[in-house]
Amino acid sequence: MKITRFSLVLLAFLTVLACNKVPISGRRQMNLLPESQLLGMSLTQYNTFLGENPPMSDQIEDTKLVRKVGNRIARAVEKYMKDNNMSNKIAGYKWEFNLVNQNVINAWCMPGGKVVVYTGILPVTKTEAGLAVVMGHEIAHAVARHGNERMSQGIVAAVGAAGLAVALKEKPAETQALFLSAYGVTTGVGMLAFGRNHESEADKLGMVFMAMAGYEPKEAIPFWERMKAASGGSGGTPEFLSTHPSHDTRIERITEWLPNAESYFVKAVD
């Protein structure tokens, strides 16, 4: 009983210490893991993935477009974070955008700004703005530290609050496995295995980020309508949507959030 009480008190204490706010949404979250540790894991897994799945050539137009959109959104995010005294939340980020030739409707972003887009999603994005919807969403996952939050919850559930330090220092293999699970790397397609709440928050932030970068956030609606059609036409749910809100729910929420996202819109000059 004493151990249980101690664990509960320690968990409450750690939660207070590790309580952060997500930019823009203001939601409080628990981030128990050092970001430096996540950045190191991210870089290792990203390089491993690219070693097994070589990115497409820099000279391909689709690759150029992925990098153009990604860098444009990244610059807008960095400016926003700097202007709002939150640059520390993306400290150590080194943005990298790659296109992988796989016929999978998917994209993902690891901590530190390591982004992969699959060629299979390009027929759905169709336009530069459509691609911005996807990349804004994925960048939002990283900026909002959804991976840290999901891993923190997983570690506490697996080892308890009292065992957190032990897990991080003495069980690196288990911690690494949890990272792979949190980011869906073990699925072989790199899908971010986030829950519906994280997905909705990434939709909201992603629309704001694309607006800051000069892309019309209203383009999110036709993009997700195309995703809905792609899902129905294929007879199943694309990997990109497997843990996401339903199509209709997502489009309804995006429509509600649109006025707020449009308030961040800045007309860009290419």
C-alpha atoms as a PDB file:
ATOM      1  CA  MET A   1       0.000   0.000   0.000  1.00  0.00           C
ATOM      2  CA  LYS A   2       2.849   2.373   0.891  1.00  0.00           C
ATOM      3  CA  ILE A   3       4.553   1.654  -2.436  1.00  0.00           C
ATOM      4  CA  THR A   4       1.321   2.309  -4.305  1.00  0.00           C
ATOM      5  CA  ARG A   5       0.787   5.603  -2.523  1.00  0.00           C
ATOM      6  CA  PHE A   6       4.385   6.607  -3.161  1.00  0.00           C
ATOM      7  CA  SER A   7       4.023   5.804  -6.865  1.00  0.00           C
ATOM      8  CA  LEU A   8       0.849   7.862  -7.114  1.00  0.00           C
ATOM      9  CA  VAL A   9       2.447  10.830  -5.351  1.00  0.00           C
ATOM     10  CA  LEU A  10       5.558  10.570  -7.505  1.00  0.00           C
ATOM     11  CA  LEU A  11       3.455  10.304 -10.655  1.00  0.00           C
ATOM     12  CA  ALA A  12       1.521  13.431  -9.679  1.00  0.00           C
ATOM     13  CA  PHE A  13       4.784  15.244  -8.965  1.00  0.00           C
ATOM     14  CA  LEU A  14       6.328  14.204 -12.288  1.00  0.00           C
ATOM     15  CA  THR A  15       3.177  15.167 -14.138  1.00  0.00           C
ATOM     16  CA  VAL A  16       3.318  18.687 -12.697  1.00  0.00           C
ATOM     17  CA  LEU A  17       7.017  19.015 -13.530  1.00  0.00           C
ATOM     18  CA  ALA A  18       6.558  17.687 -17.047  1.00  0.00           C
ATOM     19  CA  CYS A  19       3.345  19.497 -17.864  1.00  0.00           C
ATOM     20  CA  ASN A  20       3.714  21.474 -21.045  1.00  0.00           C
ATOM     21  CA  LYS A  21       1.349  23.422 -23.245  1.00  0.00           C
ATOM     22  CA  VAL A  22       0.889  22.635 -26.909  1.00  0.00           C
ATOM     23  CA  PRO A  23       1.492  25.725 -29.079  1.00  0.00           C
ATOM     24  CA  ILE A  24      -1.649  27.382 -30.461  1.00  0.00           C
ATOM     25  CA  SER A  25      -4.127  24.903 -28.939  1.00  0.00           C
ATOM     26  CA  GLY A  26      -2.888  25.573 -25.388  1.00  0.00           C
ATOM     27  CA  ARG A  27      -3.708  22.011 -24.318  1.00  0.00           C
ATOM     28  CA  ARG A  28      -1.699  20.742 -21.360  1.00  0.00           C
ATOM     29  CA  GLN A  29       0.226  17.532 -21.909  1.00  0.00           C
ATOM     30  CA  MET A  30       2.647  15.241 -20.076  1.00  0.00           C
ATOM     31  CA  ASN A  31       6.165  15.077 -21.554  1.00  0.00           C
ATOM     32  CA  LEU A  32       8.381  13.042 -19.249  1.00  0.00           C
ATOM     33  CA  LEU A  33      11.160  12.156 -21.659  1.00  0.00           C
ATOM     34  CA  PRO A  34      14.096  14.477 -22.389  1.00  0.00           C
ATOM     35  CA  GLU A  35      13.664  15.870 -25.897  1.00  0.00           C
ATOM     36  CA  SER A  36      17.373  15.328 -26.511  1.00  0.00           C
ATOM     37  CA  GLN A  37      16.850  11.604 -26.070  1.00  0.00           C
ATOM     38  CA  LEU A  38      13.964  11.565 -28.524  1.00  0.00           C
ATOM     39  CA  LEU A  39      15.948  13.562 -31.081  1.00  0.00           C
ATOM     40  CA  GLY A  40      18.762  11.017 -30.867  1.00  0.00           C
ATOM     41  CA  MET A  41      16.379   8.091 -31.312  1.00  0.00           C
ATOM     42  CA  SER A  42      14.658   9.887 -34.164  1.00  0.00           C
ATOM     43  CA  LEU A  43      17.866  10.507 -36.093  1.00  0.00           C
ATOM     44  CA  THR A  44      18.951   6.885 -35.696  1.00  0.00           C
ATOM     45  CA  GLN A  45      15.635   5.458 -36.856  1.00  0.00           C
ATOM     46  CA  TYR A  46      15.294   7.990 -39.678  1.00  0.00           C
ATOM     47  CA  ASN A  47      18.708   7.102 -41.079  1.00  0.00           C
ATOM     48  CA  THR A  48      17.942   3.397 -40.730  1.00  0.00           C
ATOM     49  CA  PHE A  49      14.661   3.841 -42.589  1.00  0.00           C
ATOM     50  CA  LEU A  50      16.275   5.800 -45.425  1.00  0.00           C
ATOM     51  CA  GLY A  51      19.032   3.190 -45.662  1.00  0.00           C
ATOM     52  CA  GLU A  52      16.388   0.542 -46.278  1.00  0.00           C
ATOM     53  CA  ASN A  53      14.141   2.833 -48.358  1.00  0.00           C
ATOM     54  CA  PRO A  54      16.377   5.118 -50.451  1.00  0.00           C
ATOM     55  CA  PRO A  55      14.754   8.523 -51.059  1.00  0.00           C
ATOM     56  CA  MET A  56      14.005   9.652 -54.582  1.00  0.00           C
ATOM     57  CA  SER A  57      16.445  11.847 -56.476  1.00  0.00           C
ATOM     58  CA  ASP A  58      16.776  15.541 -55.728  1.00  0.00           C
ATOM     59  CA  GLN A  59      16.282  16.181 -59.439  1.00  0.00           C
ATOM     60  CA  ILE A  60      12.754  14.751 -59.570  1.00  0.00           C
ATOM     61  CA  GLU A  61      10.079  17.436 -59.653  1.00  0.00           C
ATOM     62  CA  ASP A  62       7.987  15.716 -56.984  1.00  0.00           C
ATOM     63  CA  THR A  63      10.987  15.691 -54.629  1.00  0.00           C
ATOM     64  CA  LYS A  64      11.576  19.372 -55.293  1.00  0.00           C
ATOM     65  CA  LEU A  65       7.933  20.115 -54.501  1.00  0.00           C
ATOM     66  CA  VAL A  66       8.014  18.136 -51.237  1.00  0.00           C
ATOM     67  CA  ARG A  67      11.075  20.068 -50.113  1.00  0.00           C
ATOM     68  CA  LYS A  68       9.691  23.409 -51.246  1.00  0.00           C
ATOM     69  CA  VAL A  69       6.463  22.934 -49.281  1.00  0.00           C
ATOM     70  CA  GLY A  70       8.208  21.437 -46.259  1.00  0.00           C
ATOM     71  CA  ASN A  71      10.810  24.172 -45.974  1.00  0.00           C
ATOM     72  CA  ARG A  72       8.205  26.882 -46.465  1.00  0.00           C
ATOM     73  CA  ILE A  73       6.091  25.542 -43.604  1.00  0.00           C
ATOM     74  CA  ALA A  74       9.161  24.940 -41.420  1.00  0.00           C
ATOM     75  CA  ARG A  75      10.290  28.562 -41.846  1.00  0.00           C
ATOM     76  CA  ALA A  76       6.809  29.797 -40.930  1.00  0.00           C
ATOM     77  CA  VAL A  77       6.757  27.589 -37.830  1.00  0.00           C
ATOM     78  CA  GLU A  78      10.192  28.778 -36.734  1.00  0.00           C
ATOM     79  CA  LYS A  79       9.134  32.407 -37.124  1.00  0.00           C
ATOM     80  CA  TYR A  80       5.955  31.858 -35.125  1.00  0.00           C
ATOM     81  CA  MET A  81       7.824  30.075 -32.338  1.00  0.00           C
ATOM     82  CA  LYS A  82      10.454  32.821 -32.213  1.00  0.00           C
ATOM     83  CA  ASP A  83       7.880  35.612 -32.195  1.00  0.00           C
ATOM     84  CA  ASN A  84       6.059  33.919 -29.305  1.00  0.00           C
ATOM     85  CA  ASN A  85       9.150  33.050 -27.232  1.00  0.00           C
ATOM     86  CA  MET A  86       8.740  29.323 -27.827  1.00  0.00           C
ATOM     87  CA  SER A  87      11.850  28.569 -29.878  1.00  0.00           C
ATOM     88  CA  ASN A  88      12.984  26.237 -27.094  1.00  0.00           C
ATOM     89  CA  LYS A  89      10.208  23.826 -28.079  1.00  0.00           C
ATOM     90  CA  ILE A  90      11.910  23.154 -31.410  1.00  0.00           C
ATOM     91  CA  ALA A  91      15.504  23.543 -30.247  1.00  0.00           C
ATOM     92  CA  GLY A  92      17.755  21.069 -32.024  1.00  0.00           C
ATOM     93  CA  TYR A  93      15.374  20.613 -34.948  1.00  0.00           C
ATOM     94  CA  LYS A  94      17.113  20.093 -38.274  1.00  0.00           C
ATOM     95  CA  TRP A  95      14.386  19.888 -40.870  1.00  0.00           C
ATOM     96  CA  GLU A  96      14.763  17.271 -43.578  1.00  0.00           C
ATOM     97  CA  PHE A  97      12.197  16.335 -46.221  1.00  0.00           C
ATOM     98  CA  ASN A  98      12.387  13.225 -48.370  1.00  0.00           C
ATOM     99  CA  LEU A  99      10.133  11.489 -50.881  1.00  0.00           C
ATOM    100  CA  VAL A 100      10.067   7.684 -50.900  1.00  0.00           C
ATOM    101  CA  ASN A 101       8.849   5.679 -53.872  1.00  0.00           C
ATOM    102  CA  GLN A 102       6.176   3.499 -52.275  1.00  0.00           C
ATOM    103  CA  ASN A 103       2.582   3.216 -53.404  1.00  0.00           C
ATOM    104  CA  VAL A 104       1.265   3.918 -49.924  1.00  0.00           C
ATOM    105  CA  ILE A 105      -1.084   6.739 -48.932  1.00  0.00           C
ATOM    106  CA  ASN A 106       1.070   7.962 -46.081  1.00  0.00           C
ATOM    107  CA  ALA A 107       3.496  10.530 -44.673  1.00  0.00           C
ATOM    108  CA  TRP A 108       5.130  11.051 -41.282  1.00  0.00           C
ATOM    109  CA  CYS A 109       7.370  13.347 -39.247  1.00  0.00           C
ATOM    110  CA  MET A 110       9.637  12.245 -36.411  1.00  0.00           C
ATOM    111  CA  PRO A 111      10.924  14.486 -33.590  1.00  0.00           C
ATOM    112  CA  GLY A 112      13.557  16.882 -34.850  1.00  0.00           C
ATOM    113  CA  GLY A 113      11.737  17.574 -38.104  1.00  0.00           C
ATOM    114  CA  LYS A 114      12.584  14.379 -40.011  1.00  0.00           C
ATOM    115  CA  VAL A 115       9.838  14.056 -42.625  1.00  0.00           C
ATOM    116  CA  VAL A 116       9.025  11.365 -45.172  1.00  0.00           C
ATOM    117  CA  VAL A 117       6.312  11.565 -47.834  1.00  0.00           C
ATOM    118  CA  TYR A 118       5.308   8.509 -49.881  1.00  0.00           C
ATOM    119  CA  THR A 119       4.636   8.793 -53.597  1.00  0.00           C
ATOM    120  CA  GLY A 120       1.339   6.980 -53.067  1.00  0.00           C
ATOM    121  CA  ILE A 121      -0.199  10.045 -51.419  1.00  0.00           C
ATOM    122  CA  LEU A 122       0.645  12.460 -54.259  1.00  0.00           C
ATOM    123  CA  PRO A 123      -2.324  11.487 -56.469  1.00  0.00           C
ATOM    124  CA  VAL A 124      -4.530  12.481 -53.522  1.00  0.00           C
ATOM    125  CA  THR A 125      -2.767  15.725 -52.653  1.00  0.00           C
ATOM    126  CA  LYS A 126      -2.911  16.708 -56.362  1.00  0.00           C
ATOM    127  CA  THR A 127      -1.765  20.313 -55.804  1.00  0.00           C
ATOM    128  CA  GLU A 128       0.930  22.153 -53.877  1.00  0.00           C
ATOM    129  CA  ALA A 129      -1.703  23.332 -51.404  1.00  0.00           C
ATOM    130  CA  GLY A 130      -2.970  19.773 -50.988  1.00  0.00           C
ATOM    131  CA  LEU A 131       0.567  18.660 -50.176  1.00  0.00           C
ATOM    132  CA  ALA A 132       0.790  21.527 -47.669  1.00  0.00           C
ATOM    133  CA  VAL A 133      -2.234  20.074 -45.841  1.00  0.00           C
ATOM    134  CA  VAL A 134      -0.400  16.779 -45.361  1.00  0.00           C
ATOM    135  CA  MET A 135       2.966  18.284 -44.439  1.00  0.00           C
ATOM    136  CA  GLY A 136       1.433  20.872 -42.114  1.00  0.00           C
ATOM    137  CA  HIS A 137      -0.375  18.043 -40.326  1.00  0.00           C
ATOM    138  CA  GLU A 138       2.755  15.926 -39.950  1.00  0.00           C
ATOM    139  CA  ILE A 139       4.943  18.840 -38.847  1.00  0.00           C
ATOM    140  CA  ALA A 140       2.263  19.656 -36.283  1.00  0.00           C
ATOM    141  CA  HIS A 141       2.716  16.208 -34.691  1.00  0.00           C
ATOM    142  CA  ALA A 142       6.391  16.973 -34.112  1.00  0.00           C
ATOM    143  CA  VAL A 143       5.911  20.564 -32.914  1.00  0.00           C
ATOM    144  CA  ALA A 144       3.160  19.469 -30.525  1.00  0.00           C
ATOM    145  CA  ARG A 145       5.448  16.735 -29.149  1.00  0.00           C
ATOM    146  CA  HIS A 146       2.779  14.102 -29.572  1.00  0.00           C
ATOM    147  CA  GLY A 147       5.425  11.382 -29.685  1.00  0.00           C
ATOM    148  CA  ASN A 148       6.873  12.385 -26.312  1.00  0.00           C
ATOM    149  CA  GLU A 149       3.386  12.479 -24.838  1.00  0.00           C
ATOM    150  CA  ARG A 150       2.462   9.051 -26.173  1.00  0.00           C
ATOM    151  CA  MET A 151       5.746   7.515 -25.032  1.00  0.00           C
ATOM    152  CA  SER A 152       5.410   9.118 -21.590  1.00  0.00           C
ATOM    153  CA  GLN A 153       1.990   7.575 -21.201  1.00  0.00           C
ATOM    154  CA  GLY A 154       3.297   4.233 -22.377  1.00  0.00           C
ATOM    155  CA  ILE A 155       6.269   4.216 -20.018  1.00  0.00           C
ATOM    156  CA  VAL A 156       4.163   5.151 -17.008  1.00  0.00           C
ATOM    157  CA  ALA A 157       1.662   2.446 -17.894  1.00  0.00           C
ATOM    158  CA  ALA A 158       4.416  -0.146 -18.380  1.00  0.00           C
ATOM    159  CA  VAL A 159       6.755   0.524 -15.452  1.00  0.00           C
ATOM    160  CA  GLY A 160       4.929   2.947 -13.171  1.00  0.00           C
ATOM    161  CA  ALA A 161       6.086   6.346 -12.069  1.00  0.00           C
ATOM    162  CA  ALA A 162       8.675   4.967  -9.666  1.00  0.00           C
ATOM    163  CA  GLY A 163      10.296   2.952 -12.432  1.00  0.00           C
ATOM    164  CA  LEU A 164      10.556   5.767 -14.963  1.00  0.00           C
ATOM    165  CA  ALA A 165      14.180   6.671 -14.247  1.00  0.00           C
ATOM    166  CA  VAL A 166      15.164   2.998 -14.263  1.00  0.00           C
ATOM    167  CA  ALA A 167      13.471   2.473 -17.619  1.00  0.00           C
ATOM    168  CA  LEU A 168      15.273   5.403 -19.215  1.00  0.00           C
ATOM    169  CA  LYS A 169      18.735   4.584 -17.822  1.00  0.00           C
ATOM    170  CA  GLU A 170      18.800   0.823 -17.417  1.00  0.00           C
ATOM    171  CA  LYS A 171      16.378  -0.393 -20.079  1.00  0.00           C
ATOM    172  CA  PRO A 172      17.379   1.435 -23.266  1.00  0.00           C
ATOM    173  CA  ALA A 173      16.233  -1.463 -25.453  1.00  0.00           C
ATOM    174  CA  GLU A 174      12.726  -1.348 -24.000  1.00  0.00           C
ATOM    175  CA  THR A 175      12.627   2.431 -24.334  1.00  0.00           C
ATOM    176  CA  GLN A 176      13.747   2.158 -27.953  1.00  0.00           C
ATOM    177  CA  ALA A 177      11.029  -0.423 -28.639  1.00  0.00           C
ATOM    178  CA  LEU A 178       8.459   1.941 -27.169  1.00  0.00           C
ATOM    179  CA  PHE A 179       9.721   4.685 -29.496  1.00  0.00           C
ATOM    180  CA  LEU A 180       9.312   2.393 -32.501  1.00  0.00           C
ATOM    181  CA  SER A 181       5.817   1.494 -31.385  1.00  0.00           C
ATOM    182  CA  ALA A 182       4.824   5.101 -30.715  1.00  0.00           C
ATOM    183  CA  TYR A 183       5.898   6.137 -34.199  1.00  0.00           C
ATOM    184  CA  GLY A 184       4.676   3.018 -35.952  1.00  0.00           C
ATOM    185  CA  VAL A 185       8.116   2.287 -37.397  1.00  0.00           C
ATOM    186  CA  THR A 186       7.625  -1.416 -36.729  1.00  0.00           C
ATOM    187  CA  THR A 187       4.739  -1.482 -39.204  1.00  0.00           C
ATOM    188  CA  GLY A 188       7.227  -1.115 -42.038  1.00  0.00           C
ATOM    189  CA  VAL A 189       5.536   1.994 -43.443  1.00  0.00           C
ATOM    190  CA  GLY A 190       6.506   4.530 -40.793  1.00  0.00           C
ATOM    191  CA  MET A 191       2.942   5.493 -39.963  1.00  0.00           C
ATOM    192  CA  LEU A 192       2.559   7.671 -36.896  1.00  0.00           C
ATOM    193  CA  ALA A 193       0.482   5.604 -34.521  1.00  0.00           C
ATOM    194  CA  PHE A 194      -1.298   8.471 -32.797  1.00  0.00           C
ATOM    195  CA  GLY A 195      -4.803   8.432 -31.405  1.00  0.00           C
ATOM    196  CA  ARG A 196      -7.766  10.429 -32.603  1.00  0.00           C
ATOM    197  CA  ASN A 197      -7.226  13.331 -30.185  1.00  0.00           C
ATOM    198  CA  HIS A 198      -3.682  13.829 -31.407  1.00  0.00           C
ATOM    199  CA  GLU A 199      -4.841  13.557 -34.999  1.00  0.00           C
ATOM    200  CA  SER A 200      -7.508  16.216 -34.510  1.00  0.00           C
ATOM    201  CA  GLU A 201      -5.014  18.519 -32.824  1.00  0.00           C
ATOM    202  CA  ALA A 202      -2.544  17.979 -35.684  1.00  0.00           C
ATOM    203  CA  ASP A 203      -5.307  18.878 -38.159  1.00  0.00           C
ATOM    204  CA  LYS A 204      -5.951  22.116 -36.282  1.00  0.00           C
ATOM    205  CA  LEU A 205      -2.297  23.112 -35.935  1.00  0.00           C
ATOM    206  CA  GLY A 206      -1.487  21.937 -39.432  1.00  0.00           C
ATOM    207  CA  MET A 207      -4.065  24.262 -40.958  1.00  0.00           C
ATOM    208  CA  VAL A 208      -2.591  27.167 -39.009  1.00  0.00           C
ATOM    209  CA  PHE A 209       0.958  26.269 -40.056  1.00  0.00           C
ATOM    210  CA  MET A 210       0.053  26.034 -43.745  1.00  0.00           C
ATOM    211  CA  ALA A 211      -1.773  29.367 -43.465  1.00  0.00           C
ATOM    212  CA  MET A 212       1.316  30.976 -41.909  1.00  0.00           C
ATOM    213  CA  ALA A 213       3.298  29.641 -44.860  1.00  0.00           C
ATOM    214  CA  GLY A 214       0.969  31.273 -47.370  1.00  0.00           C
ATOM    215  CA  TYR A 215      -1.233  28.311 -48.280  1.00  0.00           C
ATOM    216  CA  GLU A 216      -5.016  28.708 -48.170  1.00  0.00           C
ATOM    217  CA  PRO A 217      -6.196  26.584 -45.214  1.00  0.00           C
ATOM    218  CA  LYS A 218      -9.563  26.049 -46.913  1.00  0.00           C
ATOM    219  CA  GLU A 219      -7.722  23.619 -49.210  1.00  0.00           C
ATOM    220  CA  ALA A 220      -7.839  21.152 -46.309  1.00  0.00           C
ATOM    221  CA  ILE A 221     -11.516  20.469 -47.005  1.00  0.00           C
ATOM    222  CA  PRO A 222     -11.218  19.248 -50.618  1.00  0.00           C
ATOM    223  CA  PHE A 223      -8.062  17.324 -49.681  1.00  0.00           C
ATOM    224  CA  TRP A 224      -9.853  15.336 -46.984  1.00  0.00           C
ATOM    225  CA  GLU A 225     -12.798  14.823 -49.319  1.00  0.00           C
ATOM    226  CA  ARG A 226     -10.349  13.239 -51.767  1.00  0.00           C
ATOM    227  CA  MET A 227      -8.966  11.104 -48.937  1.00  0.00           C
ATOM    228  CA  LYS A 228     -12.510   9.987 -48.207  1.00  0.00           C
ATOM    229  CA  ALA A 229     -12.986   9.034 -51.844  1.00  0.00           C
ATOM    230  CA  ALA A 230      -9.627   7.221 -51.911  1.00  0.00           C
ATOM    231  CA  SER A 231     -10.655   5.214 -48.879  1.00  0.00           C
ATOM    232  CA  GLY A 232     -14.012   4.239 -50.315  1.00  0.00           C
ATOM    233  CA  GLY A 233     -12.619   3.465 -53.724  1.00  0.00           C
ATOM    234  CA  SER A 234      -9.921   1.148 -52.407  1.00  0.00           C
ATOM    235  CA  GLY A 235     -12.327  -0.932 -50.365  1.00  0.00           C
ATOM    236  CA  GLY A 236     -10.447  -0.191 -47.162  1.00  0.00           C
ATOM    237  CA  THR A 237      -8.879   2.486 -45.014  1.00  0.00           C
ATOM    238  CA  PRO A 238      -5.535   3.910 -46.193  1.00  0.00           C
ATOM    239  CA  GLU A 239      -2.653   3.513 -43.731  1.00  0.00           C
ATOM    240  CA  PHE A 240      -2.624   7.271 -43.274  1.00  0.00           C
ATOM    241  CA  LEU A 241      -6.141   7.159 -41.805  1.00  0.00           C
ATOM    242  CA  SER A 242      -6.158   3.997 -39.724  1.00  0.00           C
ATOM    243  CA  THR A 243      -6.168   5.740 -36.347  1.00  0.00           C
ATOM    244  CA  HIS A 244      -7.688   9.000 -37.514  1.00  0.00           C
ATOM    245  CA  PRO A 245     -11.161  10.431 -36.936  1.00  0.00           C
ATOM    246  CA  SER A 246     -13.857   9.428 -39.401  1.00  0.00           C
ATOM    247  CA  HIS A 247     -13.871  11.328 -42.691  1.00  0.00           C
ATOM    248  CA  ASP A 248     -17.083  13.173 -41.996  1.00  0.00           C
ATOM    249  CA  THR A 249     -16.085  14.088 -38.435  1.00  0.00           C
ATOM    250  CA  ARG A 250     -12.739  15.361 -39.622  1.00  0.00           C
ATOM    251  CA  ILE A 251     -14.238  17.512 -42.392  1.00  0.00           C
ATOM    252  CA  GLU A 252     -16.841  18.888 -39.984  1.00  0.00           C
ATOM    253  CA  ARG A 253     -14.188  19.901 -37.451  1.00  0.00           C
ATOM    254  CA  ILE A 254     -11.942  21.390 -40.121  1.00  0.00           C
ATOM    255  CA  THR A 255     -14.856  23.514 -41.315  1.00  0.00           C
ATOM    256  CA  GLU A 256     -15.382  24.766 -37.754  1.00  0.00           C
ATOM    257  CA  TRP A 257     -11.676  25.588 -37.326  1.00  0.00           C
ATOM    258  CA  LEU A 258     -11.300  27.255 -40.721  1.00  0.00           C
ATOM    259  CA  PRO A 259     -12.068  30.860 -39.628  1.00  0.00           C
ATOM    260  CA  ASN A 260      -9.368  30.661 -36.954  1.00  0.00           C
ATOM    261  CA  ALA A 261      -6.815  29.179 -39.366  1.00  0.00           C
ATOM    262  CA  GLU A 262      -7.629  31.850 -41.951  1.00  0.00           C
ATOM    263  CA  SER A 263      -6.775  34.536 -39.401  1.00  0.00           C
ATOM    264  CA  TYR A 264      -3.155  33.336 -39.644  1.00  0.00           C
ATOM    265  CA  PHE A 265      -3.077  33.387 -43.439  1.00  0.00           C
ATOM    266  CA  VAL A 266      -0.201  35.346 -44.939  1.00  0.00           C
ATOM    267  CA  LYS A 267      -0.071  35.755 -48.689  1.00  0.00           C
ATOM    268  CA  ALA A 268       3.291  34.412 -49.722  1.00  0.00           C
ATOM    269  CA  VAL A 269       5.491  35.568 -52.546  1.00  0.00           C
ATOM    270  CA  ASP A 270       7.393  32.690 -54.144  1.00  0.00           C
END
